[in-house]
PDB file of N, CA and C in Angstrom:
ATOM      1  N   MET A   1     -13.522  13.540  -4.527  1.00  0.00           N
ATOM      2  CA  MET A   1     -13.587  12.296  -3.797  1.00  0.00           C
ATOM      3  C   MET A   1     -12.280  11.523  -3.992  1.00  0.00           C
ATOM      4  N   LEU A   2     -11.831  10.877  -2.944  1.00  0.00           N
ATOM      5  CA  LEU A   2     -10.587  10.123  -2.993  1.00  0.00           C
ATOM      6  C   LEU A   2     -10.767   8.832  -3.781  1.00  0.00           C
ATOM      7  N   LYS A   3      -9.728   8.459  -4.508  1.00  0.00           N
ATOM      8  CA  LYS A   3      -9.776   7.228  -5.303  1.00  0.00           C
ATOM      9  C   LYS A   3      -8.923   6.171  -4.622  1.00  0.00           C
ATOM     10  N   TYR A   4      -9.585   5.195  -4.057  1.00  0.00           N
ATOM     11  CA  TYR A   4      -8.910   4.055  -3.452  1.00  0.00           C
ATOM     12  C   TYR A   4      -8.852   2.973  -4.521  1.00  0.00           C
ATOM     13  N   GLU A   5      -7.684   2.772  -5.102  1.00  0.00           N
ATOM     14  CA  GLU A   5      -7.559   1.789  -6.166  1.00  0.00           C
ATOM     15  C   GLU A   5      -6.281   0.977  -5.985  1.00  0.00           C
ATOM     16  N   PRO A   6      -6.233  -0.204  -6.588  1.00  0.00           N
ATOM     17  CA  PRO A   6      -5.050  -1.051  -6.452  1.00  0.00           C
ATOM     18  C   PRO A   6      -3.777  -0.320  -6.863  1.00  0.00           C
ATOM     19  N   GLY A   7      -2.748  -0.473  -6.034  1.00  0.00           N
ATOM     20  CA  GLY A   7      -1.465   0.155  -6.309  1.00  0.00           C
ATOM     21  C   GLY A   7      -1.247   1.458  -5.580  1.00  0.00           C
ATOM     22  N   CYS A   8      -2.303   2.014  -4.988  1.00  0.00           N
ATOM     23  CA  CYS A   8      -2.161   3.264  -4.248  1.00  0.00           C
ATOM     24  C   CYS A   8      -1.408   3.018  -2.946  1.00  0.00           C
ATOM     25  N   LEU A   9      -0.638   3.989  -2.556  1.00  0.00           N
ATOM     26  CA  LEU A   9       0.104   3.940  -1.309  1.00  0.00           C
ATOM     27  C   LEU A   9      -0.767   4.535  -0.217  1.00  0.00           C
ATOM     28  N   ALA A  10      -0.838   3.865   0.935  1.00  0.00           N
ATOM     29  CA  ALA A  10      -1.688   4.332   2.030  1.00  0.00           C
ATOM     30  C   ALA A  10      -0.978   4.140   3.359  1.00  0.00           C
ATOM     31  N   ARG A  11      -1.241   5.050   4.292  1.00  0.00           N
ATOM     32  CA  ARG A  11      -0.683   4.969   5.645  1.00  0.00           C
ATOM     33  C   ARG A  11      -1.811   4.675   6.617  1.00  0.00           C
ATOM     34  N   SER A  12      -1.565   3.753   7.532  1.00  0.00           N
ATOM     35  CA  SER A  12      -2.551   3.392   8.547  1.00  0.00           C
ATOM     36  C   SER A  12      -2.660   4.513   9.573  1.00  0.00           C
ATOM     37  N   LEU A  13      -3.895   4.888   9.910  1.00  0.00           N
ATOM     38  CA  LEU A  13      -4.136   5.941  10.896  1.00  0.00           C
ATOM     39  C   LEU A  13      -4.576   5.397  12.244  1.00  0.00           C
ATOM     40  N   ALA A  14      -5.007   4.148  12.287  1.00  0.00           N
ATOM     41  CA  ALA A  14      -5.553   3.595  13.528  1.00  0.00           C
ATOM     42  C   ALA A  14      -5.150   2.139  13.688  1.00  0.00           C
ATOM     43  N   GLY A  15      -5.082   1.720  14.937  1.00  0.00           N
ATOM     44  CA  GLY A  15      -4.758   0.332  15.238  1.00  0.00           C
ATOM     45  C   GLY A  15      -3.302   0.152  15.614  1.00  0.00           C
ATOM     46  N   ARG A  16      -2.931  -1.092  15.850  1.00  0.00           N
ATOM     47  CA  ARG A  16      -1.546  -1.410  16.227  1.00  0.00           C
ATOM     48  C   ARG A  16      -0.553  -1.049  15.142  1.00  0.00           C
ATOM     49  N   ASP A  17      -1.027  -1.033  13.917  1.00  0.00           N
ATOM     50  CA  ASP A  17      -0.150  -0.752  12.777  1.00  0.00           C
ATOM     51  C   ASP A  17      -0.120   0.730  12.403  1.00  0.00           C
ATOM     52  N   ARG A  18      -0.581   1.595  13.303  1.00  0.00           N
ATOM     53  CA  ARG A  18      -0.635   3.036  13.025  1.00  0.00           C
ATOM     54  C   ARG A  18       0.719   3.541  12.517  1.00  0.00           C
ATOM     55  N   GLY A  19       0.686   4.284  11.414  1.00  0.00           N
ATOM     56  CA  GLY A  19       1.897   4.847  10.842  1.00  0.00           C
ATOM     57  C   GLY A  19       2.559   3.982   9.781  1.00  0.00           C
ATOM     58  N   ARG A  20       2.148   2.741   9.640  1.00  0.00           N
ATOM     59  CA  ARG A  20       2.766   1.815   8.685  1.00  0.00           C
ATOM     60  C   ARG A  20       2.249   2.089   7.273  1.00  0.00           C
ATOM     61  N   LEU A  21       3.154   1.994   6.309  1.00  0.00           N
ATOM     62  CA  LEU A  21       2.787   2.151   4.902  1.00  0.00           C
ATOM     63  C   LEU A  21       2.354   0.819   4.314  1.00  0.00           C
ATOM     64  N   TYR A  22       1.327   0.874   3.487  1.00  0.00           N
ATOM     65  CA  TYR A  22       0.799  -0.296   2.797  1.00  0.00           C
ATOM     66  C   TYR A  22       0.534   0.062   1.344  1.00  0.00           C
ATOM     67  N   ILE A  23       0.309  -0.962   0.548  1.00  0.00           N
ATOM     68  CA  ILE A  23      -0.172  -0.792  -0.820  1.00  0.00           C
ATOM     69  C   ILE A  23      -1.561  -1.408  -0.880  1.00  0.00           C
ATOM     70  N   ILE A  24      -2.486  -0.701  -1.509  1.00  0.00           N
ATOM     71  CA  ILE A  24      -3.853  -1.200  -1.641  1.00  0.00           C
ATOM     72  C   ILE A  24      -3.896  -2.270  -2.733  1.00  0.00           C
ATOM     73  N   LEU A  25      -4.457  -3.426  -2.379  1.00  0.00           N
ATOM     74  CA  LEU A  25      -4.640  -4.511  -3.350  1.00  0.00           C
ATOM     75  C   LEU A  25      -6.024  -4.476  -3.965  1.00  0.00           C
ATOM     76  N   GLU A  26      -7.029  -4.236  -3.123  1.00  0.00           N
ATOM     77  CA  GLU A  26      -8.421  -4.189  -3.572  1.00  0.00           C
ATOM     78  C   GLU A  26      -9.148  -3.123  -2.776  1.00  0.00           C
ATOM     79  N   ALA A  27     -10.192  -2.571  -3.374  1.00  0.00           N
ATOM     80  CA  ALA A  27     -11.023  -1.594  -2.683  1.00  0.00           C
ATOM     81  C   ALA A  27     -12.488  -1.948  -2.899  1.00  0.00           C
ATOM     82  N   ALA A  28     -13.241  -1.958  -1.811  1.00  0.00           N
ATOM     83  CA  ALA A  28     -14.683  -2.201  -1.867  1.00  0.00           C
ATOM     84  C   ALA A  28     -15.378  -0.943  -1.345  1.00  0.00           C
ATOM     85  N   ASP A  29     -16.661  -1.042  -1.034  1.00  0.00           N
ATOM     86  CA  ASP A  29     -17.415   0.127  -0.587  1.00  0.00           C
ATOM     87  C   ASP A  29     -16.797   0.789   0.638  1.00  0.00           C
ATOM     88  N   GLU A  30     -16.627   0.027   1.695  1.00  0.00           N
ATOM     89  CA  GLU A  30     -16.184   0.588   2.968  1.00  0.00           C
ATOM     90  C   GLU A  30     -14.781   0.134   3.364  1.00  0.00           C
ATOM     91  N   TYR A  31     -14.306  -0.951   2.764  1.00  0.00           N
ATOM     92  CA  TYR A  31     -13.041  -1.552   3.163  1.00  0.00           C
ATOM     93  C   TYR A  31     -12.032  -1.595   2.021  1.00  0.00           C
ATOM     94  N   VAL A  32     -10.757  -1.690   2.404  1.00  0.00           N
ATOM     95  CA  VAL A  32      -9.679  -1.927   1.446  1.00  0.00           C
ATOM     96  C   VAL A  32      -8.865  -3.123   1.927  1.00  0.00           C
ATOM     97  N   ALA A  33      -8.214  -3.803   1.001  1.00  0.00           N
ATOM     98  CA  ALA A  33      -7.290  -4.889   1.326  1.00  0.00           C
ATOM     99  C   ALA A  33      -5.886  -4.334   1.134  1.00  0.00           C
ATOM    100  N   LEU A  34      -5.060  -4.435   2.182  1.00  0.00           N
ATOM    101  CA  LEU A  34      -3.736  -3.829   2.188  1.00  0.00           C
ATOM    102  C   LEU A  34      -2.648  -4.887   2.312  1.00  0.00           C
ATOM    103  N   THR A  35      -1.493  -4.608   1.708  1.00  0.00           N
ATOM    104  CA  THR A  35      -0.338  -5.489   1.847  1.00  0.00           C
ATOM    105  C   THR A  35       0.914  -4.665   2.086  1.00  0.00           C
ATOM    106  N   ASP A  36       1.845  -5.243   2.857  1.00  0.00           N
ATOM    107  CA  ASP A  36       3.161  -4.629   3.003  1.00  0.00           C
ATOM    108  C   ASP A  36       4.256  -5.594   2.547  1.00  0.00           C
ATOM    109  N   GLY A  37       3.849  -6.780   2.096  1.00  0.00           N
ATOM    110  CA  GLY A  37       4.798  -7.762   1.605  1.00  0.00           C
ATOM    111  C   GLY A  37       5.569  -8.472   2.697  1.00  0.00           C
ATOM    112  N   ASN A  38       5.352  -8.078   3.938  1.00  0.00           N
ATOM    113  CA  ASN A  38       6.092  -8.649   5.054  1.00  0.00           C
ATOM    114  C   ASN A  38       5.138  -9.321   6.032  1.00  0.00           C
ATOM    115  N   THR A  39       4.576  -8.550   6.945  1.00  0.00           N
ATOM    116  CA  THR A  39       3.637  -9.122   7.915  1.00  0.00           C
ATOM    117  C   THR A  39       2.287  -9.393   7.271  1.00  0.00           C
ATOM    118  N   ARG A  40       1.932  -8.601   6.283  1.00  0.00           N
ATOM    119  CA  ARG A  40       0.689  -8.801   5.528  1.00  0.00           C
ATOM    120  C   ARG A  40       1.053  -9.027   4.078  1.00  0.00           C
ATOM    121  N   GLN A  41       1.137 -10.311   3.723  1.00  0.00           N
ATOM    122  CA  GLN A  41       1.538 -10.661   2.372  1.00  0.00           C
ATOM    123  C   GLN A  41       0.336 -10.659   1.440  1.00  0.00           C
ATOM    124  N   MET A  42       0.602 -10.803   0.164  1.00  0.00           N
ATOM    125  CA  MET A  42      -0.461 -10.699  -0.835  1.00  0.00           C
ATOM    126  C   MET A  42      -1.514 -11.794  -0.702  1.00  0.00           C
ATOM    127  N   ASP A  43      -1.134 -12.954  -0.207  1.00  0.00           N
ATOM    128  CA  ASP A  43      -2.112 -14.029  -0.051  1.00  0.00           C
ATOM    129  C   ASP A  43      -2.933 -13.894   1.229  1.00  0.00           C
ATOM    130  N   ARG A  44      -2.558 -12.954   2.107  1.00  0.00           N
ATOM    131  CA  ARG A  44      -3.250 -12.720   3.376  1.00  0.00           C
ATOM    132  C   ARG A  44      -3.303 -11.215   3.662  1.00  0.00           C
ATOM    133  N   PRO A  45      -3.991 -10.432   2.849  1.00  0.00           N
ATOM    134  CA  PRO A  45      -3.973  -8.975   3.034  1.00  0.00           C
ATOM    135  C   PRO A  45      -4.716  -8.524   4.291  1.00  0.00           C
ATOM    136  N   LYS A  46      -4.344  -7.346   4.762  1.00  0.00           N
ATOM    137  CA  LYS A  46      -4.989  -6.711   5.909  1.00  0.00           C
ATOM    138  C   LYS A  46      -6.253  -6.027   5.417  1.00  0.00           C
ATOM    139  N   ARG A  47      -7.363  -6.275   6.075  1.00  0.00           N
ATOM    140  CA  ARG A  47      -8.629  -5.628   5.730  1.00  0.00           C
ATOM    141  C   ARG A  47      -8.819  -4.466   6.698  1.00  0.00           C
ATOM    142  N   LYS A  48      -9.025  -3.279   6.160  1.00  0.00           N
ATOM    143  CA  LYS A  48      -9.129  -2.089   6.991  1.00  0.00           C
ATOM    144  C   LYS A  48     -10.174  -1.148   6.406  1.00  0.00           C
ATOM    145  N   LYS A  49     -10.876  -0.446   7.292  1.00  0.00           N
ATOM    146  CA  LYS A  49     -11.851   0.543   6.830  1.00  0.00           C
ATOM    147  C   LYS A  49     -11.126   1.721   6.185  1.00  0.00           C
ATOM    148  N   LYS A  50     -11.759   2.272   5.170  1.00  0.00           N
ATOM    149  CA  LYS A  50     -11.168   3.402   4.457  1.00  0.00           C
ATOM    150  C   LYS A  50     -10.922   4.595   5.373  1.00  0.00           C
ATOM    151  N   LYS A  51     -11.790   4.780   6.354  1.00  0.00           N
ATOM    152  CA  LYS A  51     -11.620   5.936   7.237  1.00  0.00           C
ATOM    153  C   LYS A  51     -10.403   5.783   8.151  1.00  0.00           C
ATOM    154  N   HIS A  52      -9.821   4.581   8.210  1.00  0.00           N
ATOM    155  CA  HIS A  52      -8.661   4.338   9.058  1.00  0.00           C
ATOM    156  C   HIS A  52      -7.341   4.356   8.300  1.00  0.00           C
ATOM    157  N   ILE A  53      -7.390   4.776   7.035  1.00  0.00           N
ATOM    158  CA  ILE A  53      -6.153   4.925   6.269  1.00  0.00           C
ATOM    159  C   ILE A  53      -6.132   6.296   5.606  1.00  0.00           C
ATOM    160  N   GLN A  54      -4.933   6.720   5.244  1.00  0.00           N
ATOM    161  CA  GLN A  54      -4.765   7.988   4.541  1.00  0.00           C
ATOM    162  C   GLN A  54      -3.945   7.717   3.285  1.00  0.00           C
ATOM    163  N   LEU A  55      -4.480   8.108   2.135  1.00  0.00           N
ATOM    164  CA  LEU A  55      -3.737   7.950   0.889  1.00  0.00           C
ATOM    165  C   LEU A  55      -2.521   8.863   0.924  1.00  0.00           C
ATOM    166  N   GLN A  56      -1.415   8.383   0.384  1.00  0.00           N
ATOM    167  CA  GLN A  56      -0.166   9.137   0.362  1.00  0.00           C
ATOM    168  C   GLN A  56       0.100   9.623  -1.058  1.00  0.00           C
ATOM    169  N   TYR A  57       0.499  10.856  -1.173  1.00  0.00           N
ATOM    170  CA  TYR A  57       0.782  11.453  -2.478  1.00  0.00           C
ATOM    171  C   TYR A  57       2.209  11.937  -2.497  1.00  0.00           C
ATOM    172  N   PRO A  58       2.872  11.981  -3.638  1.00  0.00           N
ATOM    173  CA  PRO A  58       2.392  11.535  -4.936  1.00  0.00           C
ATOM    174  C   PRO A  58       2.362  10.014  -5.019  1.00  0.00           C
ATOM    175  N   GLN A  59       1.458   9.516  -5.834  1.00  0.00           N
ATOM    176  CA  GLN A  59       1.322   8.073  -6.032  1.00  0.00           C
ATOM    177  C   GLN A  59       2.327   7.613  -7.090  1.00  0.00           C
ATOM    178  N   ASP A  60       2.752   6.369  -6.994  1.00  0.00           N
ATOM    179  CA  ASP A  60       3.680   5.787  -7.959  1.00  0.00           C
ATOM    180  C   ASP A  60       2.891   5.027  -9.023  1.00  0.00           C
ATOM    181  N   GLU A  61       2.932   5.505 -10.236  1.00  0.00           N
ATOM    182  CA  GLU A  61       2.156   4.898 -11.324  1.00  0.00           C
ATOM    183  C   GLU A  61       2.675   3.516 -11.713  1.00  0.00           C
ATOM    184  N   THR A  62       3.964   3.269 -11.510  1.00  0.00           N
ATOM    185  CA  THR A  62       4.537   1.974 -11.877  1.00  0.00           C
ATOM    186  C   THR A  62       3.888   0.843 -11.096  1.00  0.00           C
ATOM    187  N   MET A  63       3.760   1.015  -9.785  1.00  0.00           N
ATOM    188  CA  MET A  63       3.164  -0.028  -8.948  1.00  0.00           C
ATOM    189  C   MET A  63       1.683  -0.195  -9.281  1.00  0.00           C
ATOM    190  N   LYS A  64       0.994   0.901  -9.551  1.00  0.00           N
ATOM    191  CA  LYS A  64      -0.421   0.811  -9.939  1.00  0.00           C
ATOM    192  C   LYS A  64      -0.577  -0.033 -11.197  1.00  0.00           C
ATOM    193  N   GLN A  65       0.269   0.236 -12.189  1.00  0.00           N
ATOM    194  CA  GLN A  65       0.183  -0.490 -13.453  1.00  0.00           C
ATOM    195  C   GLN A  65       0.503  -1.970 -13.271  1.00  0.00           C
ATOM    196  N   LYS A  66       1.478  -2.278 -12.421  1.00  0.00           N
ATOM    197  CA  LYS A  66       1.826  -3.680 -12.180  1.00  0.00           C
ATOM    198  C   LYS A  66       0.663  -4.424 -11.541  1.00  0.00           C
ATOM    199  N   LEU A  67       0.019  -3.811 -10.548  1.00  0.00           N
ATOM    200  CA  LEU A  67      -1.077  -4.487  -9.857  1.00  0.00           C
ATOM    201  C   LEU A  67      -2.335  -4.570 -10.712  1.00  0.00           C
ATOM    202  N   ARG A  68      -2.555  -3.599 -11.580  1.00  0.00           N
ATOM    203  CA  ARG A  68      -3.716  -3.626 -12.466  1.00  0.00           C
ATOM    204  C   ARG A  68      -3.497  -4.546 -13.653  1.00  0.00           C
ATOM    205  N   GLY A  69      -2.247  -4.663 -14.061  1.00  0.00           N
ATOM    206  CA  GLY A  69      -1.921  -5.448 -15.252  1.00  0.00           C
ATOM    207  C   GLY A  69      -1.835  -6.928 -14.965  1.00  0.00           C
ATOM    208  N   GLU A  70      -1.287  -7.618 -15.910  1.00  0.00           N
ATOM    209  CA  GLU A  70      -1.202  -9.068 -15.809  1.00  0.00           C
ATOM    210  C   GLU A  70       0.129  -9.532 -15.240  1.00  0.00           C
ATOM    211  N   LYS A  71       1.002  -8.594 -14.912  1.00  0.00           N
ATOM    212  CA  LYS A  71       2.293  -8.967 -14.347  1.00  0.00           C
ATOM    213  C   LYS A  71       2.107  -9.431 -12.911  1.00  0.00           C
ATOM    214  N   ASN A  72       2.827 -10.474 -12.549  1.00  0.00           N
ATOM    215  CA  ASN A  72       2.787 -10.946 -11.171  1.00  0.00           C
ATOM    216  C   ASN A  72       3.696 -10.073 -10.321  1.00  0.00           C
ATOM    217  N   VAL A  73       3.163  -9.575  -9.238  1.00  0.00           N
ATOM    218  CA  VAL A  73       3.932  -8.775  -8.297  1.00  0.00           C
ATOM    219  C   VAL A  73       4.221  -9.667  -7.101  1.00  0.00           C
ATOM    220  N   THR A  74       5.471  -9.712  -6.695  1.00  0.00           N
ATOM    221  CA  THR A  74       5.850 -10.559  -5.565  1.00  0.00           C
ATOM    222  C   THR A  74       5.869  -9.746  -4.277  1.00  0.00           C
ATOM    223  N   ASP A  75       5.827 -10.465  -3.158  1.00  0.00           N
ATOM    224  CA  ASP A  75       5.933  -9.801  -1.859  1.00  0.00           C
ATOM    225  C   ASP A  75       7.273  -9.080  -1.736  1.00  0.00           C
ATOM    226  N   GLN A  76       8.325  -9.645  -2.315  1.00  0.00           N
ATOM    227  CA  GLN A  76       9.646  -9.013  -2.266  1.00  0.00           C
ATOM    228  C   GLN A  76       9.632  -7.666  -2.992  1.00  0.00           C
ATOM    229  N   GLU A  77       8.974  -7.600  -4.144  1.00  0.00           N
ATOM    230  CA  GLU A  77       8.875  -6.330  -4.876  1.00  0.00           C
ATOM    231  C   GLU A  77       8.136  -5.286  -4.040  1.00  0.00           C
ATOM    232  N   ILE A  78       7.087  -5.711  -3.354  1.00  0.00           N
ATOM    233  CA  ILE A  78       6.324  -4.790  -2.516  1.00  0.00           C
ATOM    234  C   ILE A  78       7.175  -4.315  -1.348  1.00  0.00           C
ATOM    235  N   ARG A  79       7.897  -5.233  -0.700  1.00  0.00           N
ATOM    236  CA  ARG A  79       8.786  -4.840   0.408  1.00  0.00           C
ATOM    237  C   ARG A  79       9.821  -3.832  -0.060  1.00  0.00           C
ATOM    238  N   ASP A  80      10.461  -4.109  -1.199  1.00  0.00           N
ATOM    239  CA  ASP A  80      11.484  -3.207  -1.732  1.00  0.00           C
ATOM    240  C   ASP A  80      10.899  -1.838  -2.054  1.00  0.00           C
ATOM    241  N   PHE A  81       9.724  -1.832  -2.672  1.00  0.00           N
ATOM    242  CA  PHE A  81       9.068  -0.576  -3.024  1.00  0.00           C
ATOM    243  C   PHE A  81       8.739   0.239  -1.770  1.00  0.00           C
ATOM    244  N   LEU A  82       8.150  -0.410  -0.760  1.00  0.00           N
ATOM    245  CA  LEU A  82       7.781   0.304   0.462  1.00  0.00           C
ATOM    246  C   LEU A  82       9.008   0.783   1.232  1.00  0.00           C
ATOM    247  N   GLU A  83      10.077   0.018   1.206  1.00  0.00           N
ATOM    248  CA  GLU A  83      11.316   0.437   1.866  1.00  0.00           C
ATOM    249  C   GLU A  83      11.871   1.692   1.200  1.00  0.00           C
ATOM    250  N   LYS A  84      11.850   1.700  -0.137  1.00  0.00           N
ATOM    251  CA  LYS A  84      12.324   2.864  -0.896  1.00  0.00           C
ATOM    252  C   LYS A  84      11.443   4.082  -0.607  1.00  0.00           C
ATOM    253  N   GLU A  85      10.129   3.886  -0.603  1.00  0.00           N
ATOM    254  CA  GLU A  85       9.196   4.985  -0.337  1.00  0.00           C
ATOM    255  C   GLU A  85       9.358   5.527   1.080  1.00  0.00           C
ATOM    256  N   THR A  86       9.524   4.643   2.046  1.00  0.00           N
ATOM    257  CA  THR A  86       9.689   5.071   3.432  1.00  0.00           C
ATOM    258  C   THR A  86      10.940   5.918   3.582  1.00  0.00           C
ATOM    259  N   SER A  87      12.044   5.467   3.001  1.00  0.00           N
ATOM    260  CA  SER A  87      13.290   6.225   3.135  1.00  0.00           C
ATOM    261  C   SER A  87      13.212   7.556   2.393  1.00  0.00           C
ATOM    262  N   SER A  88      12.560   7.595   1.237  1.00  0.00           N
ATOM    263  CA  SER A  88      12.467   8.858   0.496  1.00  0.00           C
ATOM    264  C   SER A  88      11.532   9.848   1.188  1.00  0.00           C
ATOM    265  N   ARG A  89      10.492   9.355   1.845  1.00  0.00           N
ATOM    266  CA  ARG A  89       9.562  10.243   2.542  1.00  0.00           C
ATOM    267  C   ARG A  89      10.140  10.756   3.852  1.00  0.00           C
ATOM    268  N   GLN A  90      11.137  10.055   4.397  1.00  0.00           N
ATOM    269  CA  GLN A  90      11.786  10.508   5.622  1.00  0.00           C
ATOM    270  C   GLN A  90      13.028  11.328   5.314  1.00  0.00           C
ATOM    271  N   GLY A  91      13.311  11.504   4.031  1.00  0.00           N
ATOM    272  CA  GLY A  91      14.439  12.329   3.631  1.00  0.00           C
ATOM    273  C   GLY A  91      15.761  11.588   3.576  1.00  0.00           C
ATOM    274  N   GLY A  92      15.737  10.274   3.745  1.00  0.00           N
ATOM    275  CA  GLY A  92      16.970   9.487   3.700  1.00  0.00           C
ATOM    276  C   GLY A  92      17.311   9.072   2.292  1.00  0.00           C
ATOM    277  N   ASN A  93      18.559   8.762   2.081  1.00  0.00           N
ATOM    278  CA  ASN A  93      19.004   8.260   0.779  1.00  0.00           C
ATOM    279  C   ASN A  93      19.492   6.847   0.963  1.00  0.00           C
ATOM    280  N   LYS A  94      18.768   5.896   0.396  1.00  0.00           N
ATOM    281  CA  LYS A  94      19.154   4.491   0.524  1.00  0.00           C
ATOM    282  C   LYS A  94      19.593   3.945  -0.781  1.00  0.00           C
TER     283      LYS A  94
END
């Protein structure tokens, strides 16, 4: 079974945001709260059904630990992280 937990990287499969990378902030039974630090900031996360996202592997343990821990994660850190992940997954060097 898939583990939807805070800090996991996920790609949207449906909707206007199809293909966009997000970080999971919270996970409930059927829904997850997603942030990209830009259009969906941490104070206003995107709510999406689990069946409409796909977890991306490998997961980054650093971001998971930051979101689970007591450290404050800023929207800028999330934007930087997602930008780095996007470029590395597309084979670019930034």
